[in-house]
Every structure is written in C-alpha cells, then in structure tokens.
C-alpha cells in the first residue's frame, strides 16, 4: 500500500533564479548590457515556441541525446550586468547539484 501511495505522489520540484551569463568577453567575443537586453527580448518573443532545457554544458550531442532535461528555463531577465534565468521544474534530486554547480551552467562568465 505504501508503495502505491509513493507512485501517486507528485515529485518535488523547484523553481529559482540563477545567474547564467554576464556582460564581458567570452571566447573572444564581447557582450554588452545591451546584448543581454536583446537576449531577454528574444527569449520573451519566442517563449511560447522555444522551451530551453536545463542541461550541464554545451556538448552538441548532449542537446539531442534523448536524456531528460534537468528542468526548464521559464524566464530571463537582466539585473545589472548579469543575465538571470528562472529555472523551473527542477527535480529535488538535482536541485542541490544545480545550485552548487551553478557557475558551470550554460554560458556562465566570470564577473
């Protein structure tokens, strides 16, 4: 009976903001606060048709590997010179790891 109740329980997920990018130089390319504003604008315009998954890294194989997302990017905003993503539906199992490794998430730049 306890096992059956466990199957019916909704998994615990988290939603939180995390810094994922900042203005500065990345791979030899310079990004300004205005560039970050353009990223936010593009995300807003495409938010109904593009649902970016949370993955650790930029490996092209990983983007189409069939493995489940570790969550989804629900929102994007600029705060000062930082790009902040609202990550949603992050399973409890990965929440601590993502928070701990946030500086290794997609596109994170040193300040």
N, C-alpha and C. Protein backbone atom coordinates (compact mmCIF):
# COMPACT_ATOMS: atom_id res chain seq x y z
N UNK A 1 0.81 -1.19 0.00
CA UNK A 1 0.00 0.00 0.00
C UNK A 1 0.86 1.27 0.00
N UNK A 2 1.92 1.29 0.82
CA UNK A 2 2.81 2.46 0.88
C UNK A 2 3.47 2.69 -0.47
N UNK A 3 3.83 1.60 -1.13
CA UNK A 3 4.47 1.72 -2.45
C UNK A 3 3.51 2.32 -3.46
N UNK A 4 2.24 1.95 -3.39
CA UNK A 4 1.23 2.51 -4.29
C UNK A 4 1.04 4.00 -4.05
N UNK A 5 1.03 4.44 -2.78
CA UNK A 5 0.91 5.86 -2.46
C UNK A 5 2.10 6.64 -2.98
N UNK A 6 3.30 6.03 -2.92
CA UNK A 6 4.50 6.69 -3.42
C UNK A 6 4.39 6.96 -4.92
N UNK A 7 3.83 6.02 -5.65
CA UNK A 7 3.67 6.18 -7.10
C UNK A 7 2.72 7.32 -7.43
N UNK A 8 1.74 7.57 -6.58
CA UNK A 8 0.75 8.61 -6.82
C UNK A 8 1.21 9.99 -6.36
N UNK A 9 2.30 10.05 -5.59
CA UNK A 9 2.81 11.33 -5.12
C UNK A 9 3.44 12.10 -6.27
N UNK A 10 3.20 13.40 -6.27
CA UNK A 10 3.84 14.27 -7.26
C UNK A 10 5.29 14.46 -6.85
N UNK A 11 6.21 14.39 -7.81
CA UNK A 11 7.62 14.61 -7.44
C UNK A 11 7.84 16.05 -6.98
N UNK A 12 8.76 16.22 -6.07
CA UNK A 12 9.11 17.55 -5.58
C UNK A 12 9.99 18.22 -6.62
N UNK A 13 9.60 19.43 -7.04
CA UNK A 13 10.41 20.21 -7.98
C UNK A 13 10.62 21.61 -7.41
N UNK A 14 11.58 22.30 -7.97
CA UNK A 14 11.93 23.64 -7.51
C UNK A 14 11.90 24.63 -8.66
N UNK A 15 11.66 25.88 -8.31
CA UNK A 15 11.77 26.99 -9.25
C UNK A 15 12.60 28.07 -8.56
N UNK A 16 13.62 28.55 -9.25
CA UNK A 16 14.52 29.52 -8.64
C UNK A 16 15.26 30.30 -9.72
N UNK A 17 15.79 31.45 -9.32
CA UNK A 17 16.59 32.28 -10.23
C UNK A 17 18.06 31.92 -10.07
N UNK A 18 18.75 31.92 -11.20
CA UNK A 18 20.18 31.60 -11.19
C UNK A 18 20.88 32.44 -12.26
N UNK A 19 22.02 32.98 -11.90
CA UNK A 19 22.83 33.73 -12.87
C UNK A 19 23.41 32.75 -13.87
N UNK A 20 23.26 33.07 -15.17
CA UNK A 20 23.77 32.15 -16.19
C UNK A 20 24.74 32.81 -17.17
N UNK A 21 24.85 34.15 -17.12
CA UNK A 21 25.69 34.84 -18.09
C UNK A 21 25.93 36.25 -17.56
N UNK A 22 26.95 36.92 -18.07
CA UNK A 22 27.16 38.32 -17.71
C UNK A 22 27.83 39.04 -18.86
N UNK A 23 27.73 40.36 -18.85
CA UNK A 23 28.42 41.11 -19.90
C UNK A 23 29.92 40.95 -19.66
N UNK A 24 30.67 41.08 -20.72
CA UNK A 24 32.11 40.88 -20.66
C UNK A 24 32.58 40.18 -21.92
N UNK A 25 33.73 39.55 -21.85
CA UNK A 25 34.29 38.86 -23.01
C UNK A 25 34.22 37.36 -22.79
N UNK A 26 33.70 36.65 -23.78
CA UNK A 26 33.54 35.20 -23.71
C UNK A 26 34.01 34.60 -25.03
N UNK A 27 34.97 33.70 -24.97
CA UNK A 27 35.54 33.08 -26.17
C UNK A 27 35.94 34.13 -27.21
N UNK A 28 36.49 35.24 -26.73
CA UNK A 28 36.97 36.29 -27.62
C UNK A 28 35.89 37.24 -28.12
N UNK A 29 34.63 37.00 -27.77
CA UNK A 29 33.53 37.87 -28.19
C UNK A 29 33.10 38.74 -27.01
N UNK A 30 32.89 40.03 -27.29
CA UNK A 30 32.47 40.96 -26.24
C UNK A 30 30.95 41.04 -26.19
N UNK A 31 30.39 40.97 -24.99
CA UNK A 31 28.95 41.08 -24.77
C UNK A 31 28.69 42.27 -23.85
N UNK A 32 27.80 43.15 -24.28
CA UNK A 32 27.46 44.34 -23.51
C UNK A 32 26.12 44.12 -22.79
N UNK A 33 25.78 45.06 -21.92
CA UNK A 33 24.47 45.01 -21.27
C UNK A 33 23.35 45.08 -22.31
N UNK A 34 23.59 45.84 -23.38
CA UNK A 34 22.60 45.92 -24.46
C UNK A 34 22.42 44.55 -25.12
N UNK A 35 23.49 43.79 -25.28
CA UNK A 35 23.39 42.44 -25.83
C UNK A 35 22.52 41.56 -24.93
N UNK A 36 22.71 41.70 -23.62
CA UNK A 36 21.90 40.94 -22.66
C UNK A 36 20.43 41.32 -22.79
N UNK A 37 20.17 42.63 -22.97
CA UNK A 37 18.79 43.07 -23.17
C UNK A 37 18.19 42.44 -24.42
N UNK A 38 18.97 42.31 -25.47
CA UNK A 38 18.50 41.68 -26.71
C UNK A 38 18.20 40.19 -26.49
N UNK A 39 19.01 39.53 -25.67
CA UNK A 39 18.76 38.12 -25.34
C UNK A 39 17.44 37.98 -24.60
N UNK A 40 17.20 38.87 -23.64
CA UNK A 40 15.95 38.85 -22.88
C UNK A 40 14.77 39.10 -23.81
N UNK A 41 14.91 40.06 -24.70
CA UNK A 41 13.84 40.39 -25.66
C UNK A 41 13.54 39.19 -26.56
N UNK A 42 14.59 38.55 -27.09
CA UNK A 42 14.39 37.40 -27.97
C UNK A 42 13.72 36.25 -27.21
N UNK A 43 14.15 36.03 -25.97
CA UNK A 43 13.52 34.98 -25.17
C UNK A 43 12.04 35.26 -24.99
N UNK A 44 11.73 36.50 -24.68
CA UNK A 44 10.33 36.89 -24.45
C UNK A 44 9.49 36.68 -25.71
N UNK A 45 10.04 37.04 -26.86
CA UNK A 45 9.32 36.90 -28.13
C UNK A 45 9.12 35.44 -28.52
N UNK A 46 10.04 34.57 -28.13
CA UNK A 46 9.99 33.16 -28.55
C UNK A 46 9.51 32.22 -27.46
N UNK A 47 9.17 32.74 -26.29
CA UNK A 47 8.89 31.90 -25.12
C UNK A 47 7.77 30.89 -25.34
N UNK A 48 6.83 31.16 -26.25
CA UNK A 48 5.74 30.21 -26.50
C UNK A 48 6.15 29.06 -27.42
N UNK A 49 7.19 29.28 -28.22
CA UNK A 49 7.58 28.24 -29.17
C UNK A 49 8.92 27.57 -28.84
N UNK A 50 9.73 28.20 -28.00
CA UNK A 50 11.03 27.64 -27.64
C UNK A 50 11.07 27.43 -26.14
N UNK A 51 11.30 26.21 -25.71
CA UNK A 51 11.37 25.86 -24.29
C UNK A 51 12.76 25.32 -24.00
N UNK A 52 13.71 26.20 -23.63
CA UNK A 52 15.08 25.74 -23.41
C UNK A 52 15.19 24.81 -22.20
N UNK A 53 15.82 23.64 -22.40
CA UNK A 53 16.03 22.74 -21.28
C UNK A 53 17.25 23.16 -20.47
N UNK A 54 17.27 22.78 -19.22
CA UNK A 54 18.46 22.96 -18.38
C UNK A 54 19.32 21.73 -18.57
N UNK A 55 20.50 21.93 -19.08
CA UNK A 55 21.49 20.87 -19.27
C UNK A 55 22.81 21.40 -18.74
N UNK A 56 23.69 20.54 -18.33
CA UNK A 56 25.00 20.97 -17.86
C UNK A 56 25.98 20.91 -19.02
N UNK A 57 26.25 22.06 -19.63
CA UNK A 57 27.24 22.12 -20.70
C UNK A 57 26.64 22.45 -22.06
N UNK A 58 27.55 22.50 -23.04
CA UNK A 58 27.17 22.87 -24.41
C UNK A 58 27.47 21.77 -25.42
N UNK A 59 27.76 20.58 -24.97
CA UNK A 59 28.05 19.48 -25.86
C UNK A 59 26.88 19.28 -26.82
N UNK A 60 27.13 19.38 -28.13
CA UNK A 60 26.04 19.27 -29.11
C UNK A 60 25.33 17.92 -29.02
N UNK A 61 26.07 16.86 -28.73
CA UNK A 61 25.45 15.55 -28.58
C UNK A 61 24.47 15.57 -27.41
N UNK A 62 24.84 16.26 -26.35
CA UNK A 62 24.02 16.32 -25.15
C UNK A 62 22.68 16.98 -25.44
N UNK A 63 22.64 17.94 -26.33
CA UNK A 63 21.41 18.66 -26.62
C UNK A 63 20.39 17.76 -27.32
N UNK A 64 20.86 16.70 -27.97
CA UNK A 64 19.94 15.80 -28.67
C UNK A 64 20.15 14.36 -28.24
N UNK A 65 20.61 14.17 -27.02
CA UNK A 65 20.95 12.83 -26.57
C UNK A 65 19.77 12.01 -26.07
N UNK A 66 18.61 12.63 -25.98
CA UNK A 66 17.44 11.91 -25.52
C UNK A 66 17.34 11.83 -24.01
N UNK A 67 18.37 12.30 -23.29
CA UNK A 67 18.30 12.30 -21.84
C UNK A 67 17.34 13.40 -21.39
N UNK A 68 16.67 13.17 -20.29
CA UNK A 68 15.71 14.18 -19.83
C UNK A 68 16.40 15.48 -19.41
N UNK A 69 15.66 16.56 -19.53
CA UNK A 69 16.15 17.86 -19.06
C UNK A 69 16.22 17.84 -17.54
N UNK A 70 17.10 18.66 -16.99
CA UNK A 70 17.19 18.80 -15.54
C UNK A 70 16.28 19.92 -15.05
N UNK A 71 15.42 20.39 -15.93
CA UNK A 71 14.50 21.47 -15.65
C UNK A 71 14.32 22.28 -16.93
N UNK A 72 13.67 23.42 -16.80
CA UNK A 72 13.37 24.26 -17.97
C UNK A 72 13.59 25.72 -17.63
N UNK A 73 14.01 26.50 -18.63
CA UNK A 73 14.16 27.94 -18.44
C UNK A 73 12.78 28.55 -18.65
N UNK A 74 12.24 29.13 -17.59
CA UNK A 74 10.89 29.71 -17.61
C UNK A 74 10.92 31.20 -17.88
N UNK A 75 11.98 31.87 -17.48
CA UNK A 75 12.07 33.31 -17.65
C UNK A 75 13.51 33.76 -17.76
N UNK A 76 13.70 34.96 -18.25
CA UNK A 76 15.04 35.53 -18.42
C UNK A 76 14.95 37.03 -18.16
N UNK A 77 15.91 37.56 -17.41
CA UNK A 77 15.94 38.99 -17.14
C UNK A 77 17.38 39.42 -16.94
N UNK A 78 17.59 40.74 -17.11
CA UNK A 78 18.92 41.30 -16.83
C UNK A 78 18.84 42.04 -15.52
N UNK A 79 19.81 41.79 -14.66
CA UNK A 79 19.95 42.51 -13.40
C UNK A 79 21.37 43.06 -13.39
N UNK A 80 21.49 44.38 -13.58
CA UNK A 80 22.82 44.97 -13.71
C UNK A 80 23.49 44.40 -14.95
N UNK A 81 24.67 43.84 -14.79
CA UNK A 81 25.40 43.26 -15.93
C UNK A 81 25.27 41.73 -15.97
N UNK A 82 24.29 41.20 -15.24
CA UNK A 82 24.09 39.74 -15.16
C UNK A 82 22.82 39.32 -15.86
N UNK A 83 22.84 38.16 -16.49
CA UNK A 83 21.66 37.57 -17.09
C UNK A 83 21.16 36.50 -16.11
N UNK A 84 19.92 36.65 -15.68
CA UNK A 84 19.34 35.77 -14.68
C UNK A 84 18.23 34.94 -15.32
N UNK A 85 18.33 33.62 -15.16
CA UNK A 85 17.29 32.73 -15.67
C UNK A 85 16.45 32.23 -14.51
N UNK A 86 15.15 32.14 -14.74
CA UNK A 86 14.28 31.46 -13.80
C UNK A 86 14.20 30.02 -14.27
N UNK A 87 14.75 29.13 -13.47
CA UNK A 87 14.73 27.71 -13.79
C UNK A 87 13.53 27.09 -13.09
N UNK A 88 12.78 26.26 -13.80
CA UNK A 88 11.59 25.66 -13.22
C UNK A 88 11.59 24.16 -13.43
N UNK A 89 10.73 23.50 -12.68
CA UNK A 89 10.55 22.05 -12.76
C UNK A 89 11.86 21.29 -12.56
N UNK A 90 12.72 21.83 -11.70
CA UNK A 90 13.99 21.17 -11.39
C UNK A 90 13.70 20.13 -10.31
N UNK A 91 13.90 18.85 -10.61
CA UNK A 91 13.62 17.80 -9.63
C UNK A 91 14.47 17.95 -8.36
N UNK A 92 13.88 17.59 -7.26
CA UNK A 92 14.56 17.63 -5.97
C UNK A 92 15.94 16.96 -6.06
N UNK A 93 15.98 15.86 -6.78
CA UNK A 93 17.21 15.07 -6.91
C UNK A 93 18.38 15.91 -7.46
N UNK A 94 18.07 16.89 -8.32
CA UNK A 94 19.12 17.68 -8.97
C UNK A 94 19.23 19.11 -8.45
N UNK A 95 18.30 19.53 -7.63
CA UNK A 95 18.25 20.91 -7.15
C UNK A 95 19.56 21.33 -6.48
N UNK A 96 20.02 20.58 -5.51
CA UNK A 96 21.25 20.92 -4.79
C UNK A 96 22.46 20.93 -5.71
N UNK A 97 22.51 19.97 -6.60
CA UNK A 97 23.64 19.89 -7.53
C UNK A 97 23.67 21.09 -8.46
N UNK A 98 22.52 21.47 -8.98
CA UNK A 98 22.47 22.63 -9.88
C UNK A 98 22.86 23.89 -9.14
N UNK A 99 22.36 24.07 -7.93
CA UNK A 99 22.72 25.26 -7.15
C UNK A 99 24.22 25.27 -6.86
N UNK A 100 24.77 24.11 -6.53
CA UNK A 100 26.18 24.01 -6.20
C UNK A 100 27.06 24.25 -7.43
N UNK A 101 26.62 23.77 -8.56
CA UNK A 101 27.41 23.86 -9.79
C UNK A 101 26.97 25.01 -10.70
N UNK A 102 26.19 25.93 -10.17
CA UNK A 102 25.61 27.00 -10.99
C UNK A 102 26.65 27.73 -11.83
N UNK A 103 27.82 27.87 -11.33
CA UNK A 103 28.85 28.60 -12.09
C UNK A 103 29.33 27.82 -13.31
N UNK A 104 28.89 26.57 -13.44
CA UNK A 104 29.25 25.77 -14.60
C UNK A 104 28.07 25.60 -15.56
N UNK A 105 26.94 26.24 -15.24
CA UNK A 105 25.80 26.16 -16.13
C UNK A 105 26.08 26.90 -17.43
N UNK A 106 25.28 26.63 -18.39
CA UNK A 106 25.43 27.19 -19.72
C UNK A 106 25.76 28.66 -19.73
N UNK A 107 26.90 29.00 -20.32
CA UNK A 107 27.24 30.39 -20.58
C UNK A 107 27.70 31.21 -19.40
N UNK A 108 27.92 30.66 -18.25
CA UNK A 108 28.29 31.46 -17.08
C UNK A 108 29.66 32.08 -17.29
N UNK A 109 29.75 33.35 -17.05
CA UNK A 109 31.01 34.08 -17.23
C UNK A 109 31.50 34.63 -15.89
N UNK A 110 32.80 34.70 -15.72
CA UNK A 110 33.29 35.38 -14.53
C UNK A 110 32.96 36.88 -14.63
N UNK A 111 32.68 37.50 -13.50
CA UNK A 111 32.27 38.92 -13.46
C UNK A 111 33.29 39.86 -13.82
